[in-house]
Protein backbone atom coordinates (compact mmCIF):
# COMPACT_ATOMS: atom_id res chain seq x y z
CA MET A 1 -57.14 8.73 37.96
CA ASN A 2 -55.81 5.40 36.76
CA SER A 3 -52.97 3.94 38.82
CA THR A 4 -49.71 3.10 37.06
CA ILE A 5 -47.62 0.03 37.80
CA LYS A 6 -44.04 1.24 38.06
CA PRO A 7 -41.09 -1.07 37.53
CA SER A 8 -38.11 -1.30 39.82
CA ASP A 9 -34.52 -0.97 38.61
CA THR A 10 -33.18 -3.45 36.08
CA PRO A 11 -32.22 -6.69 37.91
CA ILE A 12 -28.49 -6.81 38.51
CA GLU A 13 -28.25 -10.17 36.71
CA TRP A 14 -29.02 -8.41 33.44
CA LYS A 15 -27.58 -4.95 34.00
CA SER A 16 -25.14 -4.03 31.26
CA ASP A 17 -22.70 -2.39 33.69
CA ALA A 18 -22.71 -5.40 36.03
CA LEU A 19 -22.09 -7.80 33.15
CA PHE A 20 -19.27 -5.62 31.83
CA LEU A 21 -17.57 -5.43 35.24
CA LYS A 22 -17.73 -9.21 35.52
CA ALA A 23 -16.27 -9.60 32.03
CA GLU A 24 -13.50 -7.22 33.08
CA ARG A 25 -12.92 -9.28 36.22
CA TYR A 26 -12.38 -12.41 34.11
CA ILE A 27 -10.04 -10.53 31.77
CA GLN A 28 -7.95 -9.55 34.78
CA ARG A 29 -7.77 -13.22 35.74
CA MET A 30 -6.73 -14.03 32.16
CA SER A 31 -3.88 -11.53 32.39
CA GLN A 32 -2.39 -13.47 35.30
CA HIS A 33 -1.41 -16.18 32.79
CA THR A 34 0.80 -16.06 29.72
CA SER A 35 -0.79 -16.33 26.29
CA ASP A 36 0.44 -19.89 25.68
CA GLU A 37 -1.30 -21.31 28.77
CA TRP A 38 -4.70 -23.00 28.51
CA GLU A 39 -5.99 -20.97 31.47
CA TYR A 40 -5.40 -17.79 29.44
CA ALA A 41 -7.66 -19.07 26.67
CA LEU A 42 -10.30 -20.32 29.11
CA TRP A 43 -10.66 -17.04 31.00
CA SER A 44 -10.80 -15.13 27.71
CA SER A 45 -13.70 -17.32 26.51
CA LEU A 46 -15.57 -16.86 29.80
CA SER A 47 -15.14 -13.11 29.48
CA LEU A 48 -16.34 -13.21 25.87
CA GLU A 49 -19.83 -14.41 26.81
CA LEU A 50 -20.21 -11.79 29.53
CA LEU A 51 -19.03 -9.01 27.23
CA ALA A 52 -21.55 -10.11 24.57
CA ARG A 53 -24.37 -10.17 27.14
CA ALA A 54 -23.33 -6.73 28.37
CA ALA A 55 -23.50 -5.36 24.82
CA LEU A 56 -26.96 -6.87 24.25
CA ALA A 57 -28.23 -5.64 27.63
CA ASN A 58 -26.93 -2.18 26.70
CA VAL A 59 -29.52 -2.20 23.90
CA SER A 60 -32.18 -3.53 26.28
CA PRO A 61 -32.04 -5.99 29.18
CA ALA A 62 -35.29 -7.46 27.84
CA LEU A 63 -33.30 -8.91 24.94
CA LEU A 64 -31.56 -11.26 27.38
CA ALA A 65 -34.81 -12.72 28.75
CA ASP A 66 -35.84 -16.22 27.74
CA ASN A 67 -39.40 -15.81 26.51
CA THR A 68 -39.93 -19.40 25.38
CA GLY A 69 -43.41 -20.38 26.61
CA ASP A 70 -43.16 -18.20 29.72
CA TRP A 71 -43.32 -14.40 29.73
CA SER A 72 -42.27 -14.16 33.40
CA HIS A 73 -38.58 -13.81 32.50
CA LEU A 74 -39.32 -10.92 30.17
CA TYR A 75 -41.51 -9.33 32.83
CA TYR A 76 -38.69 -9.69 35.37
CA SER A 77 -36.13 -8.16 32.99
CA LEU A 78 -38.30 -5.03 32.78
CA GLY A 79 -38.01 -4.54 36.53
CA PHE A 80 -41.19 -6.22 37.73
CA ALA A 81 -41.60 -9.05 40.25
CA PRO A 82 -43.44 -12.09 38.84
CA ASN A 83 -45.97 -13.80 41.13
CA LYS A 84 -44.95 -17.22 39.88
CA GLU A 85 -43.91 -19.69 42.60
CA LYS A 86 -40.28 -20.78 42.73
CA PHE A 87 -39.46 -18.25 40.05
CA ALA A 88 -35.83 -18.19 38.86
CA PRO A 89 -34.91 -15.77 36.07
CA ARG A 90 -33.68 -17.45 32.91
CA SER A 91 -31.76 -15.80 30.09
CA ILE A 92 -31.34 -16.90 26.48
CA PRO A 93 -28.49 -19.25 25.43
CA VAL A 94 -25.26 -17.54 24.46
CA ASN A 95 -25.54 -18.50 20.78
CA ASP A 96 -28.86 -16.64 20.69
CA VAL A 97 -27.05 -13.65 22.18
CA PHE A 98 -24.57 -13.72 19.28
CA ALA A 99 -27.39 -14.12 16.74
CA ARG A 100 -29.27 -11.11 18.13
CA LEU A 101 -26.12 -8.99 18.18
CA SER A 102 -25.48 -9.91 14.55
CA SER A 103 -28.96 -8.73 13.61
CA ILE A 104 -28.73 -5.51 15.61
CA MET A 105 -25.13 -4.44 14.89
CA PRO A 106 -23.89 -4.38 11.28
CA GLU A 107 -20.30 -4.33 12.55
CA PHE A 108 -20.86 -7.64 14.33
CA THR A 109 -20.58 -9.60 11.10
CA THR A 110 -21.48 -13.23 10.43
CA GLU A 111 -17.74 -13.93 10.44
CA LEU A 112 -17.40 -12.60 13.98
CA GLU A 113 -20.60 -14.36 15.08
CA ASN A 114 -19.30 -17.70 13.82
CA PHE A 115 -15.95 -17.14 15.54
CA CYS A 116 -17.75 -16.49 18.85
CA LYS A 117 -19.82 -19.66 18.47
CA ARG A 118 -16.70 -21.73 17.77
CA ARG A 119 -14.92 -20.20 20.75
CA ILE A 120 -17.81 -20.91 23.10
CA GLY A 121 -18.00 -24.45 21.68
CA MET A 122 -14.36 -24.99 22.66
CA ARG A 123 -15.06 -23.54 26.10
CA ASN A 124 -17.97 -25.93 26.61
CA ALA A 125 -15.80 -28.85 25.54
CA GLU A 126 -13.15 -27.74 28.04
CA LEU A 127 -15.64 -27.39 30.90
CA HIS A 128 -18.07 -30.24 30.23
CA SER A 129 -16.05 -33.04 28.67
CA GLY A 130 -12.78 -34.91 28.95
CA LEU A 131 -11.29 -32.97 26.03
CA LEU A 132 -8.40 -30.58 26.66
CA ALA A 133 -9.85 -28.12 24.18
CA PHE A 134 -7.42 -25.26 24.79
CA ASP A 135 -4.18 -27.24 25.04
CA ASN A 136 -1.58 -26.58 22.31
CA VAL A 137 -3.76 -23.98 20.55
CA LYS A 138 -1.62 -21.10 19.29
CA SER A 139 -2.85 -17.70 20.41
CA SER A 140 -2.21 -16.30 16.92
CA MET A 141 -4.98 -18.58 15.66
CA TRP A 142 -7.69 -16.86 17.75
CA GLN A 143 -6.49 -13.58 19.24
CA PRO A 144 -6.91 -11.37 16.13
CA GLU A 145 -10.62 -12.23 15.77
CA TYR A 146 -11.12 -12.22 19.54
CA TYR A 147 -9.83 -8.67 19.82
CA ARG A 148 -11.87 -7.61 16.78
CA VAL A 149 -15.01 -8.95 18.50
CA CYS A 150 -14.10 -7.11 21.69
CA THR A 151 -13.54 -3.87 19.75
CA VAL A 152 -16.98 -4.05 18.12
CA LEU A 153 -18.84 -4.97 21.32
CA LEU A 154 -17.03 -2.34 23.38
CA ALA A 155 -17.67 0.38 20.79
CA SER A 156 -21.41 -0.36 20.96
CA MET A 157 -21.25 0.55 24.65
CA GLY A 158 -19.07 3.63 24.15
CA LYS A 159 -15.95 1.87 25.46
CA THR A 160 -12.52 1.00 24.05
CA LEU A 161 -10.03 -1.83 24.27
CA GLU A 162 -8.03 0.26 26.73
CA ASP A 163 -11.09 0.53 29.00
CA PHE A 164 -11.38 -3.25 28.95
CA LEU A 165 -7.82 -4.53 28.78
CA GLY A 166 -5.72 -1.72 30.18
CA ALA A 167 -3.30 0.42 28.18
CA GLU A 168 -0.48 -2.13 27.89
CA GLU A 169 -2.56 -5.10 26.64
CA ALA A 170 -4.73 -2.83 24.45
CA ALA A 171 -1.61 -1.63 22.60
CA ILE A 172 -0.62 -5.26 21.95
CA ALA A 173 -4.17 -6.09 20.83
CA GLU A 174 -4.13 -3.23 18.32
CA LYS A 175 -0.87 -4.52 16.84
CA ILE A 176 -2.32 -8.04 16.57
CA ILE A 177 -5.47 -6.77 14.83
CA GLU A 178 -3.44 -4.63 12.45
CA ALA A 179 -1.07 -7.48 11.61
CA ALA A 180 -3.94 -9.86 10.82
CA ALA A 181 -5.59 -7.25 8.57
CA ASP A 182 -2.42 -6.65 6.51
CA LYS A 183 -3.30 -8.35 3.22
CA ASN A 184 0.12 -7.55 1.75
CA ALA A 185 1.67 -9.82 4.39
CA LYS A 186 0.30 -12.83 2.53
CA ALA A 187 3.13 -12.36 0.02
CA VAL A 188 5.37 -14.10 2.55
CA GLN A 189 3.72 -17.37 1.60
CA GLY A 190 5.40 -17.06 -1.79
CA ASP A 191 8.78 -16.56 -0.13
CA ILE A 192 8.27 -19.64 2.02
CA LYS A 193 7.22 -21.69 -1.02
CA ALA A 194 10.27 -20.53 -3.00
CA HIS A 195 12.70 -21.36 -0.17
CA LYS A 196 11.05 -24.74 0.27
CA ALA A 197 11.49 -25.55 -3.43
CA VAL A 198 15.19 -24.62 -3.32
CA TRP A 199 15.63 -26.59 -0.11
CA PHE A 200 14.22 -29.83 -1.44
CA ALA A 201 16.21 -29.45 -4.66
CA LYS A 202 19.36 -29.97 -2.58
CA GLN A 203 20.81 -33.41 -1.97
CA GLU A 204 19.64 -35.15 1.20
CA GLU A 205 23.16 -35.19 2.62
CA GLU A 206 23.51 -31.43 2.18
CA ARG A 207 20.11 -30.79 3.79
CA SER A 208 21.10 -32.94 6.75
CA THR A 209 24.38 -31.05 7.23
CA LEU A 210 22.69 -27.65 6.99
CA SER A 211 19.98 -28.67 9.48
CA LYS A 212 22.58 -29.83 11.99
CA GLN A 213 24.49 -26.57 11.61
CA ALA A 214 21.26 -24.61 12.08
CA LYS A 215 20.46 -26.52 15.26
CA ILE A 216 23.87 -25.62 16.73
CA TRP A 217 23.49 -21.99 15.60
CA ALA A 218 20.02 -21.67 17.13
CA THR A 219 21.30 -23.06 20.42
CA ARG A 220 24.24 -20.67 20.65
CA TYR A 221 22.49 -17.43 19.76
CA ALA A 222 19.85 -15.58 21.77
CA GLY A 223 16.27 -15.84 20.60
CA HIS A 224 13.17 -18.00 20.67
CA ARG A 225 13.73 -21.34 18.92
CA VAL A 226 11.09 -22.43 16.37
CA ASP A 227 10.87 -24.71 13.34
CA CYS A 228 11.36 -23.05 9.97
CA PRO A 229 8.13 -23.10 7.89
CA ALA A 230 10.15 -23.71 4.72
CA CYS A 231 12.68 -26.40 5.62
CA GLY A 232 11.72 -27.54 9.12
CA SER A 233 15.16 -26.78 10.58
CA ARG A 234 15.66 -25.08 13.92
CA ALA A 235 15.54 -21.30 13.57
CA LEU A 236 15.21 -18.20 15.71
CA VAL A 237 12.54 -15.59 16.32
CA HIS A 238 13.38 -12.24 17.93
CA GLY A 239 10.98 -9.73 19.40
CA GLU A 240 10.27 -6.97 21.87
CA PRO A 241 9.10 -7.36 25.49
CA VAL A 242 5.37 -6.70 25.99
CA SER A 243 5.06 -7.32 29.72
CA ALA A 244 6.95 -6.70 32.89
CA PRO A 245 9.20 -9.63 33.89
CA SER A 246 7.84 -11.99 36.52
CA LYS A 247 10.25 -13.46 39.07
CA LYS A 248 10.18 -16.73 40.99
CA LEU A 249 12.60 -17.77 43.74
CA GLU A 250 13.34 -21.48 44.03
CA ASN A 251 16.40 -23.33 45.36
CA ASP A 252 18.50 -20.15 45.66
CA GLU A 253 17.82 -19.29 42.03
CA ILE A 254 15.76 -16.48 40.51
CA THR A 255 13.81 -17.47 37.41
CA GLU A 256 12.78 -14.40 35.44
CA THR A 257 10.12 -14.80 32.73
CA GLN A 258 8.96 -12.15 30.29
CA GLU A 259 6.58 -12.26 27.32
CA HIS A 260 7.75 -11.01 23.93
CA LEU A 261 5.92 -10.19 20.70
CA PRO A 262 7.91 -11.48 17.68
CA SER A 263 9.21 -9.12 15.01
CA GLN A 264 12.03 -10.98 13.19
CA PHE A 265 12.68 -14.54 12.00
CA GLU A 266 15.81 -16.10 10.55
CA CYS A 267 16.74 -19.61 9.40
CA VAL A 268 20.42 -20.15 8.52
CA ALA A 269 19.72 -23.56 6.99
CA CYS A 270 17.61 -22.40 4.02
CA GLY A 271 18.23 -18.68 4.31
CA LEU A 272 14.60 -17.65 4.91
CA LYS A 273 14.16 -14.32 6.70
CA ILE A 274 10.85 -12.74 7.71
CA SER A 275 10.32 -9.26 9.15
CA GLY A 276 7.24 -7.76 10.79
CA LEU A 277 4.48 -9.17 12.93
CA SER A 278 1.98 -9.30 10.06
CA GLN A 279 4.19 -11.55 7.89
CA LEU A 280 5.16 -13.65 10.89
CA THR A 281 1.46 -14.16 11.67
CA VAL A 282 0.77 -15.38 8.12
CA ALA A 283 3.74 -17.73 8.43
CA GLY A 284 2.39 -19.17 11.69
CA LEU A 285 5.16 -17.56 13.74
CA GLY A 286 3.22 -14.66 15.27
CA ASP A 287 2.61 -16.10 18.72
CA ARG A 288 3.87 -14.33 21.80
CA TYR A 289 6.68 -16.24 23.46
CA LYS A 290 8.30 -16.38 26.88
CA LYS A 291 11.94 -15.52 27.44
CA THR A 292 13.25 -17.21 30.57
CA GLN A 293 16.51 -16.44 32.35
CA VAL A 294 17.87 -18.00 35.54
CA TYR A 295 20.10 -16.11 37.98
CA ASP A 296 21.85 -16.98 41.20
CA ALA A 297 19.80 -15.30 43.95
CA ALA A 298 22.87 -14.00 45.81
CA GLU A 299 24.26 -12.37 42.68
CA TYR A 300 20.83 -11.08 41.60
CA TYR A 301 20.28 -9.16 44.81
CA ALA A 302 23.90 -8.22 45.45
CA PRO A 303 24.58 -4.44 45.46
CA SER A 304 26.12 -3.19 42.25
CA ASP A 305 29.81 -2.42 42.20
CA GLU A 306 30.30 1.30 41.55
CA HIS A 307 33.81 0.63 40.26
CA GLU A 308 32.94 -2.29 38.03
CA GLY A 309 34.98 -2.26 34.84
CA TYR A 310 37.95 -0.42 36.36
CA GLU A 311 41.26 -2.05 37.21
CA GLU A 312 42.51 -1.83 40.81
CA ASP A 313 44.58 1.29 41.35
CA ASN A 314 47.96 0.19 42.66
CA ASN A 315 50.29 3.08 43.55
CA GLU A 316 53.06 1.00 45.06
CA TRP A 317 56.52 1.40 43.55
């Protein structure tokens, strides 16, 4: 009887489950930062590569093996031990991973492939050059496509955004994807253009007065201050909290920070109003923002007064 050479288990370096767990680990690190911090973008890009490799390995770990001029890496990926001296397994470059996924999965479109390549290019610039590639990059400019990529790759492995991100962040991601896909939201560009035309038809003196009034108004009222896309005056965005508040004690003060997802915009200078995340995203106002409040530590932790709001009962005659 002929003997059969039997492979061992798939090497852990190229196991789909191991790659997914590592991608999940990096996503958890990402979630320790707010969406406007460069570390948030960096950890997301690191997780992206691992998630893509996990999806490709889920088809076959052999697809990750670099087979350029040396079949030992392919042989190793199949669970065999090469006899080559000083052997070190080598996988294909990440852009080749994206290219193979695009060929294998119809849902992983050329659009998504190109996004991934751009994102990894920014990551490489951040890690291997003096460029601050992720500084001052709005999350609304990359999160919709990022979450679409994650959805496609996860689905190919029988997983969901909730499996990867957790229920809270997955719900936010779904809203962001839905808002970006809302083609009707593009009508807001016409509203912005119309308000801009009316604004610049006003006399310069009137525009200056209205802008000053808007600046005072935006300072006095609660909300996240932004520049109006029509007139450039200070305006306000309002939204709903999407994370638990984080607290920091410093110098007898409690600083409480909480992320919000915008839902309403108003500018009192030119009168522009925008409702809904999808229209705000088109207008460049769809980024999550931080609401920060500062409290005196003694008052923050003081026990509540059960009789607050009642006047002192004085029965003396």
